[in-house]
C-alpha atoms as a PDB file:
ATOM      1  CA  MET A   1      -0.463  -1.078   0.179  1.00  0.00           C
ATOM      2  CA  GLU A   2      -1.810  -4.382  -1.073  1.00  0.00           C
ATOM      3  CA  ARG A   3       0.053  -7.420   0.224  1.00  0.00           C
ATOM      4  CA  SER A   4       3.334  -7.057  -1.575  1.00  0.00           C
ATOM      5  CA  ALA A   5       4.965  -9.685  -3.722  1.00  0.00           C
ATOM      6  CA  ARG A   6       8.338  -8.153  -2.798  1.00  0.00           C
ATOM      7  CA  VAL A   7       9.814  -7.133   0.555  1.00  0.00           C
ATOM      8  CA  VAL A   8      13.182  -5.593   1.449  1.00  0.00           C
ATOM      9  CA  LEU A   9      15.011  -6.896   4.521  1.00  0.00           C
ATOM     10  CA  ALA A  10      17.865  -5.190   6.380  1.00  0.00           C
ATOM     11  CA  ALA A  11      19.423  -6.018   9.749  1.00  0.00           C
ATOM     12  CA  ASP A  12      22.352  -5.428  12.016  1.00  0.00           C
ATOM     13  CA  HIS A  13      24.126  -8.311  13.742  1.00  0.00           C
ATOM     14  CA  ALA A  14      21.613  -8.447  16.619  1.00  0.00           C
ATOM     15  CA  GLY A  15      18.697  -8.646  14.204  1.00  0.00           C
ATOM     16  CA  PHE A  16      20.365 -11.153  11.869  1.00  0.00           C
ATOM     17  CA  PRO A  17      18.833 -14.368  13.346  1.00  0.00           C
ATOM     18  CA  LEU A  18      15.273 -13.005  13.224  1.00  0.00           C
ATOM     19  CA  LYS A  19      15.858 -11.592   9.725  1.00  0.00           C
ATOM     20  CA  GLU A  20      16.889 -15.041   8.530  1.00  0.00           C
ATOM     21  CA  ALA A  21      13.790 -16.653  10.060  1.00  0.00           C
ATOM     22  CA  ILE A  22      11.473 -14.051   8.521  1.00  0.00           C
ATOM     23  CA  LYS A  23      13.248 -14.369   5.174  1.00  0.00           C
ATOM     24  CA  GLN A  24      12.546 -18.120   5.101  1.00  0.00           C
ATOM     25  CA  TYR A  25       8.941 -17.468   6.139  1.00  0.00           C
ATOM     26  CA  LEU A  26       8.382 -14.929   3.345  1.00  0.00           C
ATOM     27  CA  VAL A  27      10.119 -17.009   0.662  1.00  0.00           C
ATOM     28  CA  ALA A  28       7.939 -19.997   1.613  1.00  0.00           C
ATOM     29  CA  GLN A  29       4.925 -17.784   0.824  1.00  0.00           C
ATOM     30  CA  GLY A  30       6.307 -16.960  -2.618  1.00  0.00           C
ATOM     31  CA  ILE A  31       7.359 -13.421  -1.710  1.00  0.00           C
ATOM     32  CA  ASP A  32      10.424 -12.058  -3.491  1.00  0.00           C
ATOM     33  CA  VAL A  33      12.893 -10.972  -0.815  1.00  0.00           C
ATOM     34  CA  ILE A  34      15.573  -8.352  -1.384  1.00  0.00           C
ATOM     35  CA  ASP A  35      18.054  -8.912   1.445  1.00  0.00           C
ATOM     36  CA  VAL A  36      20.579  -6.079   1.752  1.00  0.00           C
ATOM     37  CA  GLY A  37      22.341  -7.563   4.777  1.00  0.00           C
ATOM     38  CA  THR A  38      23.898  -8.015   7.148  1.00  0.00           C
ATOM     39  CA  PHE A  39      24.724 -11.638   6.497  1.00  0.00           C
ATOM     40  CA  SER A  40      26.155 -12.789   9.834  1.00  0.00           C
ATOM     41  CA  GLU A  41      26.186 -12.040  13.546  1.00  0.00           C
ATOM     42  CA  GLU A  42      29.534 -10.245  13.220  1.00  0.00           C
ATOM     43  CA  SER A  43      29.206  -6.805  14.794  1.00  0.00           C
ATOM     44  CA  VAL A  44      28.313  -4.006  12.374  1.00  0.00           C
ATOM     45  CA  ASP A  45      27.105  -0.421  12.631  1.00  0.00           C
ATOM     46  CA  TYR A  46      23.453  -0.397  11.585  1.00  0.00           C
ATOM     47  CA  PRO A  47      22.960   3.071  10.011  1.00  0.00           C
ATOM     48  CA  ALA A  48      24.613   2.219   6.674  1.00  0.00           C
ATOM     49  CA  ILE A  49      22.725  -1.065   6.310  1.00  0.00           C
ATOM     50  CA  ILE A  50      19.424   0.590   7.206  1.00  0.00           C
ATOM     51  CA  ARG A  51      20.064   3.387   4.664  1.00  0.00           C
ATOM     52  CA  LYS A  52      20.734   0.707   2.038  1.00  0.00           C
ATOM     53  CA  GLY A  53      17.458  -1.014   2.938  1.00  0.00           C
ATOM     54  CA  CYS A  54      15.565   2.277   2.766  1.00  0.00           C
ATOM     55  CA  GLY A  55      17.062   2.962  -0.651  1.00  0.00           C
ATOM     56  CA  ALA A  56      15.831  -0.416  -1.880  1.00  0.00           C
ATOM     57  CA  VAL A  57      12.322   0.228  -0.479  1.00  0.00           C
ATOM     58  CA  LEU A  58      12.166   3.527  -2.340  1.00  0.00           C
ATOM     59  CA  GLU A  59      13.706   2.114  -5.523  1.00  0.00           C
ATOM     60  CA  HIS A  60      11.395  -0.903  -5.725  1.00  0.00           C
ATOM     61  CA  GLY A  61       8.278   0.739  -4.270  1.00  0.00           C
ATOM     62  CA  CYS A  62       7.745  -2.100  -1.843  1.00  0.00           C
ATOM     63  CA  PRO A  63       7.622  -2.448   1.934  1.00  0.00           C
ATOM     64  CA  GLY A  64      10.640  -3.192   4.074  1.00  0.00           C
ATOM     65  CA  ILE A  65      11.364  -4.910   7.339  1.00  0.00           C
ATOM     66  CA  ILE A  66      14.352  -3.878   9.417  1.00  0.00           C
ATOM     67  CA  PHE A  67      15.797  -5.717  12.383  1.00  0.00           C
ATOM     68  CA  GLY A  68      18.054  -4.779  15.271  1.00  0.00           C
ATOM     69  CA  GLY A  69      18.471  -5.714  18.905  1.00  0.00           C
ATOM     70  CA  SER A  70      15.536  -3.549  20.003  1.00  0.00           C
ATOM     71  CA  GLY A  71      14.563  -2.102  16.617  1.00  0.00           C
ATOM     72  CA  ASN A  72      14.702   1.408  18.071  1.00  0.00           C
ATOM     73  CA  GLY A  73      17.958   2.627  16.523  1.00  0.00           C
ATOM     74  CA  GLU A  74      17.038   1.088  13.208  1.00  0.00           C
ATOM     75  CA  ALA A  75      13.668   2.880  13.171  1.00  0.00           C
ATOM     76  CA  ILE A  76      15.375   6.161  14.045  1.00  0.00           C
ATOM     77  CA  ALA A  77      17.925   5.682  11.250  1.00  0.00           C
ATOM     78  CA  ALA A  78      15.230   4.743   8.728  1.00  0.00           C
ATOM     79  CA  ASN A  79      13.099   7.753   9.592  1.00  0.00           C
ATOM     80  CA  LYS A  80      16.006  10.038   8.674  1.00  0.00           C
ATOM     81  CA  VAL A  81      15.571   8.962   5.028  1.00  0.00           C
ATOM     82  CA  HIS A  82      13.153  11.156   3.061  1.00  0.00           C
ATOM     83  CA  GLY A  83      10.129   9.130   1.950  1.00  0.00           C
ATOM     84  CA  ILE A  84      10.443   6.515   4.676  1.00  0.00           C
ATOM     85  CA  ARG A  85       7.959   6.019   7.476  1.00  0.00           C
ATOM     86  CA  ALA A  86       9.308   3.309   9.765  1.00  0.00           C
ATOM     87  CA  ALA A  87       7.339   2.003  12.732  1.00  0.00           C
ATOM     88  CA  LEU A  88       8.695   0.047  15.668  1.00  0.00           C
ATOM     89  CA  VAL A  89       6.237  -2.818  16.129  1.00  0.00           C
ATOM     90  CA  TYR A  90       5.833  -4.905  19.274  1.00  0.00           C
ATOM     91  CA  SER A  91       2.195  -6.043  19.161  1.00  0.00           C
ATOM     92  CA  ASP A  92      -0.585  -6.944  16.755  1.00  0.00           C
ATOM     93  CA  GLU A  93      -2.126  -3.529  17.364  1.00  0.00           C
ATOM     94  CA  THR A  94       1.063  -1.571  16.600  1.00  0.00           C
ATOM     95  CA  ALA A  95       1.536  -3.613  13.424  1.00  0.00           C
ATOM     96  CA  ARG A  96      -2.012  -2.808  12.276  1.00  0.00           C
ATOM     97  CA  LEU A  97      -1.915   0.863  13.221  1.00  0.00           C
ATOM     98  CA  ALA A  98       1.497   1.365  11.618  1.00  0.00           C
ATOM     99  CA  ARG A  99      -0.147   0.688   8.282  1.00  0.00           C
ATOM    100  CA  GLU A 100      -3.739   1.751   8.891  1.00  0.00           C
ATOM    101  CA  HIS A 101      -3.056   5.169  10.418  1.00  0.00           C
ATOM    102  CA  ASN A 102       0.605   5.936   9.667  1.00  0.00           C
ATOM    103  CA  ASN A 103       0.996   4.420   6.195  1.00  0.00           C
ATOM    104  CA  ALA A 104       4.350   3.029   7.338  1.00  0.00           C
ATOM    105  CA  ASN A 105       6.439   1.533   4.565  1.00  0.00           C
ATOM    106  CA  ILE A 106       8.954  -0.069   6.920  1.00  0.00           C
ATOM    107  CA  LEU A 107       8.356  -2.366   9.877  1.00  0.00           C
ATOM    108  CA  SER A 108      11.059  -2.342  12.553  1.00  0.00           C
ATOM    109  CA  LEU A 109      11.481  -5.380  14.805  1.00  0.00           C
ATOM    110  CA  GLY A 110      13.684  -6.027  17.813  1.00  0.00           C
ATOM    111  CA  GLY A 111      15.408  -9.343  17.279  1.00  0.00           C
ATOM    112  CA  ARG A 112      16.359  -9.643  20.948  1.00  0.00           C
ATOM    113  CA  LEU A 113      12.861  -8.727  22.145  1.00  0.00           C
ATOM    114  CA  THR A 114      10.494 -10.373  19.645  1.00  0.00           C
ATOM    115  CA  ALA A 115       9.719 -14.093  19.532  1.00  0.00           C
ATOM    116  CA  GLU A 116       9.822 -15.583  16.037  1.00  0.00           C
ATOM    117  CA  GLU A 117       6.142 -16.586  16.029  1.00  0.00           C
ATOM    118  CA  ASP A 118       5.127 -13.101  17.158  1.00  0.00           C
ATOM    119  CA  ALA A 119       7.334 -11.555  14.464  1.00  0.00           C
ATOM    120  CA  LYS A 120       5.687 -13.694  11.781  1.00  0.00           C
ATOM    121  CA  ARG A 121       2.263 -12.564  12.937  1.00  0.00           C
ATOM    122  CA  PHE A 122       3.333  -8.901  13.039  1.00  0.00           C
ATOM    123  CA  VAL A 123       4.730  -9.218   9.504  1.00  0.00           C
ATOM    124  CA  ASP A 124       1.501 -10.787   8.252  1.00  0.00           C
ATOM    125  CA  ILE A 125      -0.604  -8.036   9.826  1.00  0.00           C
ATOM    126  CA  PHE A 126       1.680  -5.278   8.552  1.00  0.00           C
ATOM    127  CA  LEU A 127       1.737  -6.625   4.991  1.00  0.00           C
ATOM    128  CA  ALA A 128      -2.020  -7.272   4.852  1.00  0.00           C
ATOM    129  CA  THR A 129      -3.292  -4.029   6.389  1.00  0.00           C
ATOM    130  CA  PRO A 130      -4.218  -1.210   4.004  1.00  0.00           C
ATOM    131  CA  PHE A 131      -3.763   2.485   4.757  1.00  0.00           C
ATOM    132  CA  GLU A 132      -7.066   3.965   5.873  1.00  0.00           C
ATOM    133  CA  GLY A 133      -6.464   7.395   4.332  1.00  0.00           C
ATOM    134  CA  GLY A 134      -8.994  10.098   5.195  1.00  0.00           C
ATOM    135  CA  ARG A 135      -7.993  12.209   8.179  1.00  0.00           C
ATOM    136  CA  HIS A 136      -4.774  10.215   8.458  1.00  0.00           C
ATOM    137  CA  GLN A 137      -3.606  11.447   5.045  1.00  0.00           C
ATOM    138  CA  ARG A 138      -3.482  15.032   6.327  1.00  0.00           C
ATOM    139  CA  ARG A 139      -1.130  13.907   9.070  1.00  0.00           C
ATOM    140  CA  ILE A 140       1.076  11.990   6.660  1.00  0.00           C
ATOM    141  CA  ASP A 141       1.216  15.083   4.435  1.00  0.00           C
ATOM    142  CA  ASP A 142       2.230  17.153   7.456  1.00  0.00           C
ATOM    143  CA  LEU A 143       5.041  14.698   8.206  1.00  0.00           C
ATOM    144  CA  GLU A 144       6.349  15.244   4.692  1.00  0.00           C
ATOM    145  CA  VAL A 145       6.600  18.976   5.405  1.00  0.00           C
ATOM    146  CA  LEU A 146       8.730  18.190   8.463  1.00  0.00           C
ATOM    147  CA  SER A 147      11.195  16.129   6.435  1.00  0.00           C
ATOM    148  CA  ASN A 148      11.810  18.757   3.734  1.00  0.00           C
END
């Protein structure tokens, strides 16, 4: 994945503030943002919003970033969608490996656990890191078998 000119964002209420900060950060870099919600801190159930975000990632062929309180439930929900490989990221290394080894197309961040500056760095790493392929492709192919 070359650094994308388009990114999908999706969040629940707990992830909303970090989503908004990352949206501004991406727009300032000239990246087209598709924001599927949520649009406030009013309590919502995340699975439907995450499914909508996953649908947009698949439709537009671009990466996505999802946000929740911890990012765990959102990653679980996203990984239920065929064609999605979501990775919960909490360090520079997990951001890099999510792309390099796992060919993740969605980055999951915990809005209550991730500082804004760290999140920006994780996003930059995730969007800039290419998939390494090679032996990792076999494993990605095997994951596809599991989801059929």
